[in-house]
């Protein structure tokens, strides 16, 4: 059974309007506003299960994606605690980069065609 994370990280992700998928600059503004409200929240490490839930994947699917180079980088063992991503902000930054890359790909394909 999947573990549920009833916290602000998932609420933040669920509340993002669709237009943020087209522009990482807008996503960055949302992150900055949220960070002003809860400055410590975004810098806390997150584990594989929480990251997977945020990204809409199962923990196993995220492990596979990470092993193939498609998941957020930086997953490392924290001695005595287990395996974690450095922070929620780290994952959101990676997500913003993915959005930027996805926005560039259609125009790159048009130039090549």
PDB file of N, CA and C in Angstrom:
ATOM      1  N   UNK A   1       0.842  -1.182   0.000  1.00  0.00           N
ATOM      2  CA  UNK A   1       0.000   0.000   0.000  1.00  0.00           C
ATOM      3  C   UNK A   1       0.885   1.242   0.000  1.00  0.00           C
ATOM      4  N   UNK A   2       0.577   2.205  -0.865  1.00  0.00           N
ATOM      5  CA  UNK A   2       1.376   3.421  -0.979  1.00  0.00           C
ATOM      6  C   UNK A   2       1.153   4.321   0.231  1.00  0.00           C
ATOM      7  N   UNK A   3       2.229   4.931   0.651  1.00  0.00           N
ATOM      8  CA  UNK A   3       2.138   5.853   1.774  1.00  0.00           C
ATOM      9  C   UNK A   3       1.622   7.196   1.265  1.00  0.00           C
ATOM     10  N   UNK A   4       0.746   7.842   2.016  1.00  0.00           N
ATOM     11  CA  UNK A   4       0.210   9.143   1.628  1.00  0.00           C
ATOM     12  C   UNK A   4       0.966  10.249   2.346  1.00  0.00           C
ATOM     13  N   UNK A   5       1.160  11.339   1.653  1.00  0.00           N
ATOM     14  CA  UNK A   5       1.814  12.502   2.244  1.00  0.00           C
ATOM     15  C   UNK A   5       0.811  13.640   2.222  1.00  0.00           C
ATOM     16  N   UNK A   6       0.204  13.886   3.346  1.00  0.00           N
ATOM     17  CA  UNK A   6      -0.793  14.931   3.461  1.00  0.00           C
ATOM     18  C   UNK A   6      -0.084  16.180   3.959  1.00  0.00           C
ATOM     19  N   UNK A   7       0.633  16.824   3.070  1.00  0.00           N
ATOM     20  CA  UNK A   7       1.368  18.019   3.484  1.00  0.00           C
ATOM     21  C   UNK A   7       1.302  19.076   2.399  1.00  0.00           C
ATOM     22  N   UNK A   8       1.939  20.193   2.653  1.00  0.00           N
ATOM     23  CA  UNK A   8       1.871  21.328   1.751  1.00  0.00           C
ATOM     24  C   UNK A   8       2.537  21.066   0.405  1.00  0.00           C
ATOM     25  N   UNK A   9       3.507  20.166   0.340  1.00  0.00           N
ATOM     26  CA  UNK A   9       4.209  19.911  -0.914  1.00  0.00           C
ATOM     27  C   UNK A   9       3.235  19.373  -1.964  1.00  0.00           C
ATOM     28  N   UNK A  10       2.435  18.404  -1.590  1.00  0.00           N
ATOM     29  CA  UNK A  10       1.447  17.873  -2.533  1.00  0.00           C
ATOM     30  C   UNK A  10       0.354  18.893  -2.805  1.00  0.00           C
ATOM     31  N   UNK A  11      -0.048  19.653  -1.802  1.00  0.00           N
ATOM     32  CA  UNK A  11      -1.059  20.680  -2.014  1.00  0.00           C
ATOM     33  C   UNK A  11      -0.541  21.742  -2.981  1.00  0.00           C
ATOM     34  N   UNK A  12       0.727  22.100  -2.827  1.00  0.00           N
ATOM     35  CA  UNK A  12       1.341  23.074  -3.725  1.00  0.00           C
ATOM     36  C   UNK A  12       1.318  22.542  -5.155  1.00  0.00           C
ATOM     37  N   UNK A  13       1.710  21.296  -5.336  1.00  0.00           N
ATOM     38  CA  UNK A  13       1.730  20.705  -6.670  1.00  0.00           C
ATOM     39  C   UNK A  13       0.332  20.634  -7.267  1.00  0.00           C
ATOM     40  N   UNK A  14      -0.652  20.256  -6.461  1.00  0.00           N
ATOM     41  CA  UNK A  14      -2.019  20.133  -6.951  1.00  0.00           C
ATOM     42  C   UNK A  14      -2.615  21.489  -7.323  1.00  0.00           C
ATOM     43  N   UNK A  15      -2.159  22.533  -6.658  1.00  0.00           N
ATOM     44  CA  UNK A  15      -2.720  23.859  -6.884  1.00  0.00           C
ATOM     45  C   UNK A  15      -2.094  24.596  -8.062  1.00  0.00           C
ATOM     46  N   UNK A  16      -1.044  24.041  -8.630  1.00  0.00           N
ATOM     47  CA  UNK A  16      -0.386  24.728  -9.736  1.00  0.00           C
ATOM     48  C   UNK A  16      -1.311  24.778 -10.950  1.00  0.00           C
ATOM     49  N   UNK A  17      -1.536  25.979 -11.487  1.00  0.00           N
ATOM     50  CA  UNK A  17      -2.400  26.074 -12.664  1.00  0.00           C
ATOM     51  C   UNK A  17      -1.712  25.505 -13.908  1.00  0.00           C
ATOM     52  N   UNK A  18      -2.490  25.064 -14.890  1.00  0.00           N
ATOM     53  CA  UNK A  18      -1.925  24.431 -16.091  1.00  0.00           C
ATOM     54  C   UNK A  18      -0.925  25.307 -16.830  1.00  0.00           C
ATOM     55  N   UNK A  19      -1.102  26.618 -16.796  1.00  0.00           N
ATOM     56  CA  UNK A  19      -0.192  27.491 -17.537  1.00  0.00           C
ATOM     57  C   UNK A  19       1.246  27.442 -17.014  1.00  0.00           C
ATOM     58  N   UNK A  20       1.433  26.956 -15.784  1.00  0.00           N
ATOM     59  CA  UNK A  20       2.791  26.837 -15.269  1.00  0.00           C
ATOM     60  C   UNK A  20       3.571  25.766 -16.014  1.00  0.00           C
ATOM     61  N   UNK A  21       2.876  24.859 -16.647  1.00  0.00           N
ATOM     62  CA  UNK A  21       3.561  23.821 -17.407  1.00  0.00           C
ATOM     63  C   UNK A  21       4.233  24.394 -18.647  1.00  0.00           C
ATOM     64  N   UNK A  22       3.820  25.575 -19.064  1.00  0.00           N
ATOM     65  CA  UNK A  22       4.396  26.195 -20.255  1.00  0.00           C
ATOM     66  C   UNK A  22       5.548  27.133 -19.923  1.00  0.00           C
ATOM     67  N   UNK A  23       5.667  27.554 -18.682  1.00  0.00           N
ATOM     68  CA  UNK A  23       6.701  28.523 -18.333  1.00  0.00           C
ATOM     69  C   UNK A  23       7.278  28.234 -16.959  1.00  0.00           C
ATOM     70  N   UNK A  24       8.565  27.936 -16.925  1.00  0.00           N
ATOM     71  CA  UNK A  24       9.199  27.690 -15.635  1.00  0.00           C
ATOM     72  C   UNK A  24       9.385  28.986 -14.853  1.00  0.00           C
ATOM     73  N   UNK A  25       9.376  30.148 -15.537  1.00  0.00           N
ATOM     74  CA  UNK A  25       9.492  31.417 -14.817  1.00  0.00           C
ATOM     75  C   UNK A  25       8.299  31.609 -13.890  1.00  0.00           C
ATOM     76  N   UNK A  26       7.092  31.260 -14.355  1.00  0.00           N
ATOM     77  CA  UNK A  26       5.907  31.359 -13.512  1.00  0.00           C
ATOM     78  C   UNK A  26       6.008  30.401 -12.333  1.00  0.00           C
ATOM     79  N   UNK A  27       6.503  29.188 -12.582  1.00  0.00           N
ATOM     80  CA  UNK A  27       6.684  28.222 -11.502  1.00  0.00           C
ATOM     81  C   UNK A  27       7.666  28.763 -10.464  1.00  0.00           C
ATOM     82  N   UNK A  28       8.722  29.381 -10.915  1.00  0.00           N
ATOM     83  CA  UNK A  28       9.709  29.951  -9.994  1.00  0.00           C
ATOM     84  C   UNK A  28       9.085  31.043  -9.124  1.00  0.00           C
ATOM     85  N   UNK A  29       8.179  31.839  -9.690  1.00  0.00           N
ATOM     86  CA  UNK A  29       7.506  32.873  -8.898  1.00  0.00           C
ATOM     87  C   UNK A  29       6.627  32.250  -7.819  1.00  0.00           C
ATOM     88  N   UNK A  30       5.925  31.184  -8.160  1.00  0.00           N
ATOM     89  CA  UNK A  30       5.091  30.486  -7.173  1.00  0.00           C
ATOM     90  C   UNK A  30       5.976  29.947  -6.047  1.00  0.00           C
ATOM     91  N   UNK A  31       7.099  29.359  -6.402  1.00  0.00           N
ATOM     92  CA  UNK A  31       8.019  28.822  -5.399  1.00  0.00           C
ATOM     93  C   UNK A  31       8.535  29.940  -4.495  1.00  0.00           C
ATOM     94  N   UNK A  32       8.881  31.061  -5.066  1.00  0.00           N
ATOM     95  CA  UNK A  32       9.380  32.193  -4.255  1.00  0.00           C
ATOM     96  C   UNK A  32       8.311  32.689  -3.267  1.00  0.00           C
ATOM     97  N   UNK A  33       7.066  32.812  -3.748  1.00  0.00           N
ATOM     98  CA  UNK A  33       5.987  33.260  -2.846  1.00  0.00           C
ATOM     99  C   UNK A  33       5.782  32.260  -1.716  1.00  0.00           C
ATOM    100  N   UNK A  34       5.749  30.984  -2.049  1.00  0.00           N
ATOM    101  CA  UNK A  34       5.567  29.946  -1.039  1.00  0.00           C
ATOM    102  C   UNK A  34       6.724  29.966  -0.043  1.00  0.00           C
ATOM    103  N   UNK A  35       7.927  30.171  -0.538  1.00  0.00           N
ATOM    104  CA  UNK A  35       9.112  30.186   0.320  1.00  0.00           C
ATOM    105  C   UNK A  35       9.066  31.334   1.328  1.00  0.00           C
ATOM    106  N   UNK A  36       8.465  32.443   0.956  1.00  0.00           N
ATOM    107  CA  UNK A  36       8.329  33.553   1.906  1.00  0.00           C
ATOM    108  C   UNK A  36       7.405  33.183   3.065  1.00  0.00           C
ATOM    109  N   UNK A  37       6.401  32.347   2.784  1.00  0.00           N
ATOM    110  CA  UNK A  37       5.452  31.940   3.824  1.00  0.00           C
ATOM    111  C   UNK A  37       6.060  30.895   4.757  1.00  0.00           C
ATOM    112  N   UNK A  38       6.824  29.951   4.199  1.00  0.00           N
ATOM    113  CA  UNK A  38       7.404  28.858   4.991  1.00  0.00           C
ATOM    114  C   UNK A  38       8.854  28.640   4.557  1.00  0.00           C
ATOM    115  N   UNK A  39       9.752  29.487   5.014  1.00  0.00           N
ATOM    116  CA  UNK A  39      11.130  29.453   4.504  1.00  0.00           C
ATOM    117  C   UNK A  39      11.881  28.143   4.737  1.00  0.00           C
ATOM    118  N   UNK A  40      11.569  27.412   5.774  1.00  0.00           N
ATOM    119  CA  UNK A  40      12.297  26.167   6.050  1.00  0.00           C
ATOM    120  C   UNK A  40      11.739  24.967   5.290  1.00  0.00           C
ATOM    121  N   UNK A  41      10.526  25.076   4.812  1.00  0.00           N
ATOM    122  CA  UNK A  41       9.841  23.928   4.227  1.00  0.00           C
ATOM    123  C   UNK A  41      10.521  23.410   2.964  1.00  0.00           C
ATOM    124  N   UNK A  42      10.897  24.296   2.075  1.00  0.00           N
ATOM    125  CA  UNK A  42      11.451  23.871   0.796  1.00  0.00           C
ATOM    126  C   UNK A  42      12.875  23.335   0.899  1.00  0.00           C
ATOM    127  N   UNK A  43      13.559  23.612   1.991  1.00  0.00           N
ATOM    128  CA  UNK A  43      14.943  23.136   2.107  1.00  0.00           C
ATOM    129  C   UNK A  43      15.062  21.825   2.881  1.00  0.00           C
ATOM    130  N   UNK A  44      13.935  21.265   3.294  1.00  0.00           N
ATOM    131  CA  UNK A  44      13.958  19.982   3.995  1.00  0.00           C
ATOM    132  C   UNK A  44      14.140  18.840   2.994  1.00  0.00           C
ATOM    133  N   UNK A  45      14.972  17.849   3.335  1.00  0.00           N
ATOM    134  CA  UNK A  45      15.144  16.688   2.450  1.00  0.00           C
ATOM    135  C   UNK A  45      13.845  15.898   2.320  1.00  0.00           C
ATOM    136  N   UNK A  46      13.695  15.197   1.184  1.00  0.00           N
ATOM    137  CA  UNK A  46      12.530  14.330   0.994  1.00  0.00           C
ATOM    138  C   UNK A  46      12.999  12.962   0.524  1.00  0.00           C
ATOM    139  N   UNK A  47      12.233  11.950   0.902  1.00  0.00           N
ATOM    140  CA  UNK A  47      12.610  10.589   0.520  1.00  0.00           C
ATOM    141  C   UNK A  47      11.998  10.218  -0.835  1.00  0.00           C
ATOM    142  N   UNK A  48      12.338   9.044  -1.304  1.00  0.00           N
ATOM    143  CA  UNK A  48      11.883   8.571  -2.607  1.00  0.00           C
ATOM    144  C   UNK A  48      10.364   8.531  -2.695  1.00  0.00           C
ATOM    145  N   UNK A  49       9.701   8.033  -1.654  1.00  0.00           N
ATOM    146  CA  UNK A  49       8.241   7.901  -1.687  1.00  0.00           C
ATOM    147  C   UNK A  49       7.550   9.254  -1.781  1.00  0.00           C
ATOM    148  N   UNK A  50       8.024  10.240  -1.038  1.00  0.00           N
ATOM    149  CA  UNK A  50       7.406  11.566  -1.088  1.00  0.00           C
ATOM    150  C   UNK A  50       7.649  12.221  -2.443  1.00  0.00           C
ATOM    151  N   UNK A  51       8.861  12.082  -2.962  1.00  0.00           N
ATOM    152  CA  UNK A  51       9.168  12.637  -4.278  1.00  0.00           C
ATOM    153  C   UNK A  51       8.301  11.981  -5.346  1.00  0.00           C
ATOM    154  N   UNK A  52       8.159  10.672  -5.272  1.00  0.00           N
ATOM    155  CA  UNK A  52       7.332   9.950  -6.236  1.00  0.00           C
ATOM    156  C   UNK A  52       5.884  10.427  -6.176  1.00  0.00           C
ATOM    157  N   UNK A  53       5.356  10.590  -4.980  1.00  0.00           N
ATOM    158  CA  UNK A  53       3.980  11.059  -4.826  1.00  0.00           C
ATOM    159  C   UNK A  53       3.809  12.444  -5.440  1.00  0.00           C
ATOM    160  N   UNK A  54       4.778  13.315  -5.227  1.00  0.00           N
ATOM    161  CA  UNK A  54       4.724  14.662  -5.787  1.00  0.00           C
ATOM    162  C   UNK A  54       4.732  14.625  -7.314  1.00  0.00           C
ATOM    163  N   UNK A  55       5.544  13.745  -7.880  1.00  0.00           N
ATOM    164  CA  UNK A  55       5.668  13.665  -9.329  1.00  0.00           C
ATOM    165  C   UNK A  55       4.587  12.796  -9.975  1.00  0.00           C
ATOM    166  N   UNK A  56       3.711  12.212  -9.159  1.00  0.00           N
ATOM    167  CA  UNK A  56       2.632  11.389  -9.688  1.00  0.00           C
ATOM    168  C   UNK A  56       3.096  10.020 -10.161  1.00  0.00           C
ATOM    169  N   UNK A  57       4.142   9.505  -9.530  1.00  0.00           N
ATOM    170  CA  UNK A  57       4.689   8.196  -9.874  1.00  0.00           C
ATOM    171  C   UNK A  57       4.648   7.300  -8.642  1.00  0.00           C
ATOM    172  N   UNK A  58       4.839   6.025  -8.854  1.00  0.00           N
ATOM    173  CA  UNK A  58       5.039   5.126  -7.733  1.00  0.00           C
ATOM    174  C   UNK A  58       6.514   5.202  -7.351  1.00  0.00           C
ATOM    175  N   UNK A  59       6.857   4.852  -6.107  1.00  0.00           N
ATOM    176  CA  UNK A  59       8.277   4.839  -5.734  1.00  0.00           C
ATOM    177  C   UNK A  59       9.113   3.936  -6.648  1.00  0.00           C
ATOM    178  N   UNK A  60       8.551   2.800  -7.060  1.00  0.00           N
ATOM    179  CA  UNK A  60       9.287   1.896  -7.954  1.00  0.00           C
ATOM    180  C   UNK A  60       9.515   2.540  -9.324  1.00  0.00           C
ATOM    181  N   UNK A  61       8.507   3.214  -9.838  1.00  0.00           N
ATOM    182  CA  UNK A  61       8.652   3.888 -11.138  1.00  0.00           C
ATOM    183  C   UNK A  61       9.698   4.996 -11.067  1.00  0.00           C
ATOM    184  N   UNK A  62       9.743   5.712  -9.947  1.00  0.00           N
ATOM    185  CA  UNK A  62      10.749   6.758  -9.791  1.00  0.00           C
ATOM    186  C   UNK A  62      12.147   6.150  -9.715  1.00  0.00           C
ATOM    187  N   UNK A  63      12.290   5.019  -9.033  1.00  0.00           N
ATOM    188  CA  UNK A  63      13.597   4.345  -8.976  1.00  0.00           C
ATOM    189  C   UNK A  63      14.068   3.945 -10.375  1.00  0.00           C
ATOM    190  N   UNK A  64      13.149   3.412 -11.170  1.00  0.00           N
ATOM    191  CA  UNK A  64      13.496   3.012 -12.538  1.00  0.00           C
ATOM    192  C   UNK A  64      13.871   4.243 -13.361  1.00  0.00           C
ATOM    193  N   UNK A  65      13.079   5.299 -13.271  1.00  0.00           N
ATOM    194  CA  UNK A  65      13.375   6.526 -14.017  1.00  0.00           C
ATOM    195  C   UNK A  65      14.741   7.081 -13.617  1.00  0.00           C
ATOM    196  N   UNK A  66      15.019   7.067 -12.336  1.00  0.00           N
ATOM    197  CA  UNK A  66      16.299   7.579 -11.838  1.00  0.00           C
ATOM    198  C   UNK A  66      17.450   6.726 -12.374  1.00  0.00           C
ATOM    199  N   UNK A  67      17.266   5.418 -12.403  1.00  0.00           N
ATOM    200  CA  UNK A  67      18.325   4.527 -12.890  1.00  0.00           C
ATOM    201  C   UNK A  67      18.579   4.724 -14.383  1.00  0.00           C
ATOM    202  N   UNK A  68      17.584   5.199 -15.102  1.00  0.00           N
ATOM    203  CA  UNK A  68      17.727   5.453 -16.543  1.00  0.00           C
ATOM    204  C   UNK A  68      18.101   6.907 -16.840  1.00  0.00           C
ATOM    205  N   UNK A  69      18.285   7.700 -15.788  1.00  0.00           N
ATOM    206  CA  UNK A  69      18.685   9.090 -15.975  1.00  0.00           C
ATOM    207  C   UNK A  69      17.549  10.056 -16.230  1.00  0.00           C
ATOM    208  N   UNK A  70      16.302   9.638 -15.941  1.00  0.00           N
ATOM    209  CA  UNK A  70      15.144  10.491 -16.190  1.00  0.00           C
ATOM    210  C   UNK A  70      14.536  11.075 -14.925  1.00  0.00           C
ATOM    211  N   UNK A  71      15.075  10.779 -13.778  1.00  0.00           N
ATOM    212  CA  UNK A  71      14.520  11.286 -12.525  1.00  0.00           C
ATOM    213  C   UNK A  71      15.370  12.409 -11.971  1.00  0.00           C
ATOM    214  N   UNK A  72      14.900  13.049 -10.917  1.00  0.00           N
ATOM    215  CA  UNK A  72      15.676  14.117 -10.300  1.00  0.00           C
ATOM    216  C   UNK A  72      17.031  13.593  -9.820  1.00  0.00           C
ATOM    217  N   UNK A  73      18.100  14.341 -10.049  1.00  0.00           N
ATOM    218  CA  UNK A  73      19.415  13.920  -9.562  1.00  0.00           C
ATOM    219  C   UNK A  73      19.581  14.244  -8.079  1.00  0.00           C
ATOM    220  N   UNK A  74      20.646  13.767  -7.495  1.00  0.00           N
ATOM    221  CA  UNK A  74      20.984  14.127  -6.120  1.00  0.00           C
ATOM    222  C   UNK A  74      20.505  13.171  -5.063  1.00  0.00           C
ATOM    223  N   UNK A  75      19.938  12.046  -5.445  1.00  0.00           N
ATOM    224  CA  UNK A  75      19.447  11.073  -4.476  1.00  0.00           C
ATOM    225  C   UNK A  75      20.657  10.429  -3.806  1.00  0.00           C
ATOM    226  N   UNK A  76      20.767  10.582  -2.505  1.00  0.00           N
ATOM    227  CA  UNK A  76      21.957  10.088  -1.799  1.00  0.00           C
ATOM    228  C   UNK A  76      21.585   9.592  -0.409  1.00  0.00           C
ATOM    229  N   UNK A  77      22.462   8.771   0.136  1.00  0.00           N
ATOM    230  CA  UNK A  77      22.233   8.227   1.467  1.00  0.00           C
ATOM    231  C   UNK A  77      22.659   9.236   2.527  1.00  0.00           C
ATOM    232  N   UNK A  78      21.760   9.462   3.470  1.00  0.00           N
ATOM    233  CA  UNK A  78      22.059  10.300   4.632  1.00  0.00           C
ATOM    234  C   UNK A  78      22.320   9.335   5.770  1.00  0.00           C
ATOM    235  N   UNK A  79      23.530   9.351   6.272  1.00  0.00           N
ATOM    236  CA  UNK A  79      23.942   8.367   7.274  1.00  0.00           C
ATOM    237  C   UNK A  79      22.977   8.325   8.453  1.00  0.00           C
ATOM    238  N   UNK A  80      22.492   7.141   8.734  1.00  0.00           N
ATOM    239  CA  UNK A  80      21.591   6.929   9.859  1.00  0.00           C
ATOM    240  C   UNK A  80      20.127   7.227   9.565  1.00  0.00           C
ATOM    241  N   UNK A  81      19.844   7.805   8.405  1.00  0.00           N
ATOM    242  CA  UNK A  81      18.465   8.161   8.081  1.00  0.00           C
ATOM    243  C   UNK A  81      17.910   7.418   6.870  1.00  0.00           C
ATOM    244  N   UNK A  82      18.730   7.119   5.910  1.00  0.00           N
ATOM    245  CA  UNK A  82      18.269   6.461   4.695  1.00  0.00           C
ATOM    246  C   UNK A  82      18.597   7.287   3.470  1.00  0.00           C
ATOM    247  N   UNK A  83      17.866   7.030   2.391  1.00  0.00           N
ATOM    248  CA  UNK A  83      18.106   7.697   1.118  1.00  0.00           C
ATOM    249  C   UNK A  83      17.134   8.861   0.917  1.00  0.00           C
ATOM    250  N   UNK A  84      17.677  10.008   0.512  1.00  0.00           N
ATOM    251  CA  UNK A  84      16.884  11.228   0.364  1.00  0.00           C
ATOM    252  C   UNK A  84      17.374  12.076  -0.800  1.00  0.00           C
ATOM    253  N   UNK A  85      16.456  12.897  -1.330  1.00  0.00           N
ATOM    254  CA  UNK A  85      16.838  13.993  -2.216  1.00  0.00           C
ATOM    255  C   UNK A  85      17.253  15.147  -1.312  1.00  0.00           C
ATOM    256  N   UNK A  86      18.158  16.012  -1.768  1.00  0.00           N
ATOM    257  CA  UNK A  86      18.668  17.075  -0.893  1.00  0.00           C
ATOM    258  C   UNK A  86      17.575  17.972  -0.305  1.00  0.00           C
ATOM    259  N   UNK A  87      16.544  18.295  -1.102  1.00  0.00           N
ATOM    260  CA  UNK A  87      15.482  19.165  -0.596  1.00  0.00           C
ATOM    261  C   UNK A  87      14.300  19.159  -1.554  1.00  0.00           C
ATOM    262  N   UNK A  88      13.187  19.646  -1.061  1.00  0.00           N
ATOM    263  CA  UNK A  88      12.021  19.817  -1.919  1.00  0.00           C
ATOM    264  C   UNK A  88      12.350  20.820  -3.027  1.00  0.00           C
ATOM    265  N   UNK A  89      13.094  21.859  -2.680  1.00  0.00           N
ATOM    266  CA  UNK A  89      13.489  22.862  -3.662  1.00  0.00           C
ATOM    267  C   UNK A  89      14.345  22.252  -4.764  1.00  0.00           C
ATOM    268  N   UNK A  90      15.196  21.326  -4.411  1.00  0.00           N
ATOM    269  CA  UNK A  90      16.028  20.629  -5.388  1.00  0.00           C
ATOM    270  C   UNK A  90      15.145  19.921  -6.422  1.00  0.00           C
ATOM    271  N   UNK A  91      14.113  19.245  -5.965  1.00  0.00           N
ATOM    272  CA  UNK A  91      13.206  18.542  -6.868  1.00  0.00           C
ATOM    273  C   UNK A  91      12.413  19.542  -7.712  1.00  0.00           C
ATOM    274  N   UNK A  92      11.949  20.622  -7.104  1.00  0.00           N
ATOM    275  CA  UNK A  92      11.204  21.635  -7.852  1.00  0.00           C
ATOM    276  C   UNK A  92      12.087  22.318  -8.896  1.00  0.00           C
ATOM    277  N   UNK A  93      13.350  22.546  -8.567  1.00  0.00           N
ATOM    278  CA  UNK A  93      14.284  23.138  -9.526  1.00  0.00           C
ATOM    279  C   UNK A  93      14.463  22.209 -10.718  1.00  0.00           C
ATOM    280  N   UNK A  94      14.633  20.915 -10.435  1.00  0.00           N
ATOM    281  CA  UNK A  94      14.745  19.935 -11.505  1.00  0.00           C
ATOM    282  C   UNK A  94      13.486  19.945 -12.368  1.00  0.00           C
ATOM    283  N   UNK A  95      12.321  20.021 -11.720  1.00  0.00           N
ATOM    284  CA  UNK A  95      11.057  20.043 -12.446  1.00  0.00           C
ATOM    285  C   UNK A  95      10.972  21.283 -13.344  1.00  0.00           C
ATOM    286  N   UNK A  96      11.397  22.433 -12.841  1.00  0.00           N
ATOM    287  CA  UNK A  96      11.401  23.667 -13.646  1.00  0.00           C
ATOM    288  C   UNK A  96      12.310  23.499 -14.864  1.00  0.00           C
ATOM    289  N   UNK A  97      13.446  22.851 -14.686  1.00  0.00           N
ATOM    290  CA  UNK A  97      14.352  22.602 -15.811  1.00  0.00           C
ATOM    291  C   UNK A  97      13.705  21.684 -16.839  1.00  0.00           C
ATOM    292  N   UNK A  98      12.944  20.691 -16.371  1.00  0.00           N
ATOM    293  CA  UNK A  98      12.243  19.789 -17.291  1.00  0.00           C
ATOM    294  C   UNK A  98      11.189  20.548 -18.088  1.00  0.00           C
ATOM    295  N   UNK A  99      10.500  21.480 -17.426  1.00  0.00           N
ATOM    296  CA  UNK A  99       9.491  22.297 -18.102  1.00  0.00           C
ATOM    297  C   UNK A  99      10.146  23.158 -19.170  1.00  0.00           C
ATOM    298  N   UNK A 100      11.283  23.783 -18.824  1.00  0.00           N
ATOM    299  CA  UNK A 100      12.008  24.609 -19.797  1.00  0.00           C
ATOM    300  C   UNK A 100      12.429  23.773 -21.000  1.00  0.00           C
ATOM    301  N   UNK A 101      12.971  22.585 -20.745  1.00  0.00           N
ATOM    302  CA  UNK A 101      13.426  21.716 -21.821  1.00  0.00           C
ATOM    303  C   UNK A 101      12.263  21.278 -22.707  1.00  0.00           C
ATOM    304  N   UNK A 102      11.147  20.932 -22.093  1.00  0.00           N
ATOM    305  CA  UNK A 102       9.973  20.507 -22.864  1.00  0.00           C
ATOM    306  C   UNK A 102       9.442  21.644 -23.729  1.00  0.00           C
ATOM    307  N   UNK A 103       9.524  22.871 -23.216  1.00  0.00           N
ATOM    308  CA  UNK A 103       9.060  24.026 -23.987  1.00  0.00           C
ATOM    309  C   UNK A 103       9.971  24.287 -25.180  1.00  0.00           C
ATOM    310  N   UNK A 104      11.243  23.965 -25.079  1.00  0.00           N
ATOM    311  CA  UNK A 104      12.182  24.176 -26.181  1.00  0.00           C
ATOM    312  C   UNK A 104      12.064  23.111 -27.259  1.00  0.00           C
ATOM    313  N   UNK A 105      11.741  21.900 -26.876  1.00  0.00           N
ATOM    314  CA  UNK A 105      11.754  20.787 -27.817  1.00  0.00           C
ATOM    315  C   UNK A 105      10.866  20.984 -29.048  1.00  0.00           C
ATOM    316  N   UNK A 106       9.621  21.473 -28.924  1.00  0.00           N
ATOM    317  CA  UNK A 106       8.812  21.643 -30.139  1.00  0.00           C
ATOM    318  C   UNK A 106       9.447  22.607 -31.133  1.00  0.00           C
ATOM    319  N   UNK A 107      10.009  23.717 -30.662  1.00  0.00           N
ATOM    320  CA  UNK A 107      10.621  24.675 -31.578  1.00  0.00           C
ATOM    321  C   UNK A 107      11.874  24.105 -32.215  1.00  0.00           C
ATOM    322  N   UNK A 108      12.623  23.300 -31.469  1.00  0.00           N
ATOM    323  CA  UNK A 108      13.812  22.660 -32.034  1.00  0.00           C
ATOM    324  C   UNK A 108      13.407  21.689 -33.139  1.00  0.00           C
ATOM    325  N   UNK A 109      12.302  20.981 -32.937  1.00  0.00           N
ATOM    326  CA  UNK A 109      11.843  20.024 -33.944  1.00  0.00           C
ATOM    327  C   UNK A 109      11.390  20.758 -35.204  1.00  0.00           C
ATOM    328  N   UNK A 110      10.762  21.918 -35.063  1.00  0.00           N
ATOM    329  CA  UNK A 110      10.312  22.689 -36.229  1.00  0.00           C
ATOM    330  C   UNK A 110      11.501  23.187 -37.034  1.00  0.00           C
ATOM    331  N   UNK A 111      12.569  23.615 -36.350  1.00  0.00           N
ATOM    332  CA  UNK A 111      13.748  24.110 -37.042  1.00  0.00           C
ATOM    333  C   UNK A 111      14.415  23.003 -37.850  1.00  0.00           C
ATOM    334  N   UNK A 112      14.416  21.806 -37.325  1.00  0.00           N
ATOM    335  CA  UNK A 112      15.069  20.666 -37.992  1.00  0.00           C
ATOM    336  C   UNK A 112      14.253  20.222 -39.192  1.00  0.00           C
ATOM    337  N   UNK A 113      12.935  20.266 -39.086  1.00  0.00           N
ATOM    338  CA  UNK A 113      12.047  19.761 -40.154  1.00  0.00           C
ATOM    339  C   UNK A 113      12.089  20.616 -41.392  1.00  0.00           C
TER     340      UNK A 113
END
